[in-house]
Amino acid sequence: MGKHRTPYPAEFRAQTVELVKAGRRPEELEKEFEPTAQTIYNWVAQADRSGAVSSDSQIEFISGSAGVIKLPI
C-alpha cells in the first residue's frame, strides 16, 4: 500500500497557484514548500480549466449590490 497524506488546504493551493501566475517556477516552489513541482503544475492546470483550485471545497465570494453571496462550486 502506498503512503497517503492529508490533502493540502484549498487556500494553500490557491496561494501556490497565484505565485506561479506571478512568475515563480514550480521547481522553485518545490524547494521552498513541500509539494512537488508536478503537483503544482497539476494545480495550475486545474485552476486554468475550472477557474478555481479545488471544486470540491472552494467557496467563491461575489460582491453584489445585496452584499456578499456565497456560491458553492
N, C-alpha and C. Protein backbone atom coordinates (compact mmCIF):
# COMPACT_ATOMS: atom_id res chain seq x y z
N MET A 1 0.84 -1.18 0.00
CA MET A 1 0.00 0.00 0.00
C MET A 1 0.89 1.25 0.00
N GLY A 2 0.54 2.25 -0.78
CA GLY A 2 1.31 3.48 -0.86
C GLY A 2 1.01 4.41 0.30
N LYS A 3 1.89 5.39 0.46
CA LYS A 3 1.68 6.38 1.51
C LYS A 3 0.58 7.35 1.09
N HIS A 4 -0.22 7.76 2.04
CA HIS A 4 -1.26 8.76 1.80
C HIS A 4 -1.01 9.91 2.74
N ARG A 5 -1.16 11.12 2.25
CA ARG A 5 -1.02 12.28 3.11
C ARG A 5 -2.32 13.07 3.05
N THR A 6 -2.54 13.85 4.04
CA THR A 6 -3.71 14.71 4.08
C THR A 6 -3.63 15.71 2.94
N PRO A 7 -4.73 15.94 2.21
CA PRO A 7 -4.69 16.91 1.12
C PRO A 7 -4.29 18.31 1.61
N TYR A 8 -3.62 19.03 0.74
CA TYR A 8 -3.24 20.40 1.07
C TYR A 8 -4.51 21.25 1.16
N PRO A 9 -4.55 22.20 2.09
CA PRO A 9 -5.73 23.08 2.20
C PRO A 9 -5.93 23.88 0.91
N ALA A 10 -7.19 24.15 0.58
CA ALA A 10 -7.53 24.88 -0.64
C ALA A 10 -6.84 26.24 -0.69
N GLU A 11 -6.75 26.91 0.45
CA GLU A 11 -6.11 28.24 0.49
C GLU A 11 -4.63 28.14 0.13
N PHE A 12 -3.94 27.10 0.62
CA PHE A 12 -2.53 26.90 0.30
C PHE A 12 -2.36 26.64 -1.19
N ARG A 13 -3.22 25.81 -1.77
CA ARG A 13 -3.15 25.52 -3.20
C ARG A 13 -3.38 26.80 -4.01
N ALA A 14 -4.37 27.59 -3.60
CA ALA A 14 -4.67 28.83 -4.32
C ALA A 14 -3.50 29.80 -4.26
N GLN A 15 -2.87 29.91 -3.09
CA GLN A 15 -1.73 30.82 -2.95
C GLN A 15 -0.55 30.34 -3.80
N THR A 16 -0.35 29.04 -3.86
CA THR A 16 0.74 28.48 -4.66
C THR A 16 0.48 28.75 -6.14
N VAL A 17 -0.74 28.56 -6.60
CA VAL A 17 -1.10 28.84 -7.99
C VAL A 17 -0.87 30.32 -8.30
N GLU A 18 -1.24 31.19 -7.38
CA GLU A 18 -1.03 32.63 -7.59
C GLU A 18 0.46 32.95 -7.71
N LEU A 19 1.31 32.28 -6.93
CA LEU A 19 2.75 32.51 -7.04
C LEU A 19 3.26 32.11 -8.42
N VAL A 20 2.75 31.00 -8.95
CA VAL A 20 3.15 30.57 -10.30
C VAL A 20 2.68 31.59 -11.33
N LYS A 21 1.45 32.04 -11.20
CA LYS A 21 0.91 33.01 -12.15
C LYS A 21 1.63 34.36 -12.06
N ALA A 22 2.26 34.61 -10.91
CA ALA A 22 3.02 35.85 -10.73
C ALA A 22 4.46 35.71 -11.23
N GLY A 23 4.81 34.51 -11.74
CA GLY A 23 6.13 34.36 -12.34
C GLY A 23 7.07 33.38 -11.67
N ARG A 24 6.69 32.86 -10.51
CA ARG A 24 7.57 31.88 -9.84
C ARG A 24 7.47 30.53 -10.55
N ARG A 25 8.55 29.78 -10.58
CA ARG A 25 8.57 28.46 -11.22
C ARG A 25 8.20 27.39 -10.20
N PRO A 26 7.41 26.38 -10.61
CA PRO A 26 7.07 25.30 -9.69
C PRO A 26 8.30 24.62 -9.09
N GLU A 27 9.38 24.55 -9.86
CA GLU A 27 10.61 23.94 -9.34
C GLU A 27 11.19 24.74 -8.17
N GLU A 28 11.06 26.07 -8.22
CA GLU A 28 11.50 26.92 -7.09
C GLU A 28 10.63 26.65 -5.87
N LEU A 29 9.32 26.64 -6.11
CA LEU A 29 8.37 26.47 -5.01
C LEU A 29 8.49 25.09 -4.37
N GLU A 30 8.86 24.09 -5.18
CA GLU A 30 9.06 22.74 -4.66
C GLU A 30 10.16 22.71 -3.60
N LYS A 31 11.20 23.52 -3.83
CA LYS A 31 12.31 23.57 -2.88
C LYS A 31 11.94 24.35 -1.62
N GLU A 32 11.04 25.31 -1.78
CA GLU A 32 10.65 26.17 -0.67
C GLU A 32 9.52 25.57 0.17
N PHE A 33 8.61 24.87 -0.49
CA PHE A 33 7.46 24.26 0.18
C PHE A 33 7.49 22.76 -0.07
N GLU A 34 6.54 22.03 0.41
CA GLU A 34 6.56 20.58 0.32
C GLU A 34 6.06 19.98 -1.00
N PRO A 35 5.04 20.51 -1.65
CA PRO A 35 4.53 19.83 -2.85
C PRO A 35 5.57 19.75 -3.96
N THR A 36 5.50 18.66 -4.73
CA THR A 36 6.42 18.52 -5.86
C THR A 36 6.04 19.50 -6.96
N ALA A 37 6.99 19.74 -7.85
CA ALA A 37 6.73 20.64 -8.98
C ALA A 37 5.57 20.09 -9.82
N GLN A 38 5.51 18.76 -10.00
CA GLN A 38 4.43 18.17 -10.78
C GLN A 38 3.07 18.43 -10.14
N THR A 39 3.00 18.33 -8.82
CA THR A 39 1.75 18.62 -8.11
C THR A 39 1.34 20.06 -8.35
N ILE A 40 2.29 20.98 -8.29
CA ILE A 40 2.00 22.40 -8.50
C ILE A 40 1.54 22.62 -9.94
N TYR A 41 2.20 21.99 -10.91
CA TYR A 41 1.75 22.08 -12.31
C TYR A 41 0.31 21.59 -12.44
N ASN A 42 -0.02 20.51 -11.75
CA ASN A 42 -1.38 19.97 -11.79
C ASN A 42 -2.38 20.98 -11.23
N TRP A 43 -2.03 21.65 -10.12
CA TRP A 43 -2.92 22.65 -9.52
C TRP A 43 -3.15 23.81 -10.48
N VAL A 44 -2.09 24.25 -11.15
CA VAL A 44 -2.21 25.37 -12.09
C VAL A 44 -3.11 24.96 -13.26
N ALA A 45 -2.92 23.75 -13.78
CA ALA A 45 -3.74 23.27 -14.89
C ALA A 45 -5.21 23.17 -14.46
N GLN A 46 -5.44 22.68 -13.25
CA GLN A 46 -6.80 22.56 -12.74
C GLN A 46 -7.43 23.95 -12.60
N ALA A 47 -6.66 24.90 -12.09
CA ALA A 47 -7.17 26.26 -11.93
C ALA A 47 -7.49 26.89 -13.28
N ASP A 48 -6.65 26.62 -14.28
CA ASP A 48 -6.90 27.15 -15.62
C ASP A 48 -8.17 26.55 -16.23
N ARG A 49 -8.40 25.27 -15.97
CA ARG A 49 -9.59 24.60 -16.52
C ARG A 49 -10.87 25.06 -15.85
N SER A 50 -10.82 25.19 -14.51
CA SER A 50 -12.06 25.43 -13.78
C SER A 50 -12.20 26.84 -13.23
N GLY A 51 -11.12 27.61 -13.23
CA GLY A 51 -11.18 28.94 -12.65
C GLY A 51 -11.05 28.92 -11.14
N ALA A 52 -10.86 27.75 -10.58
CA ALA A 52 -10.69 27.59 -9.13
C ALA A 52 -9.69 26.48 -8.89
N VAL A 53 -9.15 26.44 -7.70
CA VAL A 53 -8.15 25.42 -7.39
C VAL A 53 -8.81 24.11 -7.02
N SER A 54 -9.84 24.13 -6.22
CA SER A 54 -10.49 22.91 -5.77
C SER A 54 -11.99 23.06 -5.85
N SER A 55 -12.61 22.35 -6.76
CA SER A 55 -14.05 22.49 -6.92
C SER A 55 -14.82 21.81 -5.80
N ASP A 56 -14.19 20.90 -5.06
CA ASP A 56 -14.92 20.20 -4.01
C ASP A 56 -15.02 20.99 -2.72
N SER A 57 -14.10 21.91 -2.45
CA SER A 57 -14.17 22.63 -1.18
C SER A 57 -14.05 24.14 -1.33
N GLN A 58 -13.86 24.62 -2.55
CA GLN A 58 -13.68 26.05 -2.77
C GLN A 58 -15.01 26.79 -2.66
N ILE A 59 -15.01 27.92 -2.03
CA ILE A 59 -16.19 28.79 -1.98
C ILE A 59 -15.79 30.11 -2.61
N GLU A 60 -16.59 30.54 -3.55
CA GLU A 60 -16.30 31.78 -4.25
C GLU A 60 -17.19 32.88 -3.68
N PHE A 61 -16.61 34.03 -3.43
CA PHE A 61 -17.37 35.15 -2.91
C PHE A 61 -17.56 36.16 -4.03
N ILE A 62 -18.80 36.55 -4.23
CA ILE A 62 -19.12 37.52 -5.26
C ILE A 62 -19.75 38.73 -4.60
N SER A 63 -19.20 39.86 -4.90
CA SER A 63 -19.72 41.10 -4.35
C SER A 63 -20.84 41.60 -5.25
N GLY A 64 -21.97 41.90 -4.66
CA GLY A 64 -23.08 42.42 -5.44
C GLY A 64 -23.74 43.57 -4.70
N SER A 65 -24.78 44.10 -5.25
CA SER A 65 -25.46 45.21 -4.60
C SER A 65 -26.12 44.77 -3.30
N ALA A 66 -26.40 43.46 -3.17
CA ALA A 66 -27.03 42.95 -1.95
C ALA A 66 -25.99 42.55 -0.92
N GLY A 67 -24.73 42.71 -1.21
CA GLY A 67 -23.68 42.33 -0.26
C GLY A 67 -22.88 41.15 -0.81
N VAL A 68 -22.41 40.32 0.07
CA VAL A 68 -21.59 39.18 -0.31
C VAL A 68 -22.47 37.94 -0.39
N ILE A 69 -22.36 37.22 -1.48
CA ILE A 69 -23.13 36.00 -1.69
C ILE A 69 -22.14 34.84 -1.78
N LYS A 70 -22.38 33.76 -1.03
CA LYS A 70 -21.52 32.58 -1.07
C LYS A 70 -22.09 31.61 -2.10
N LEU A 71 -21.23 31.20 -3.03
CA LEU A 71 -21.66 30.24 -4.05
C LEU A 71 -20.78 29.00 -3.95
N PRO A 72 -21.33 27.84 -3.63
CA PRO A 72 -20.51 26.62 -3.64
C PRO A 72 -20.23 26.23 -5.09
N ILE A 73 -19.03 25.79 -5.31
CA ILE A 73 -18.65 25.38 -6.67
C ILE A 73 -18.72 23.88 -6.75
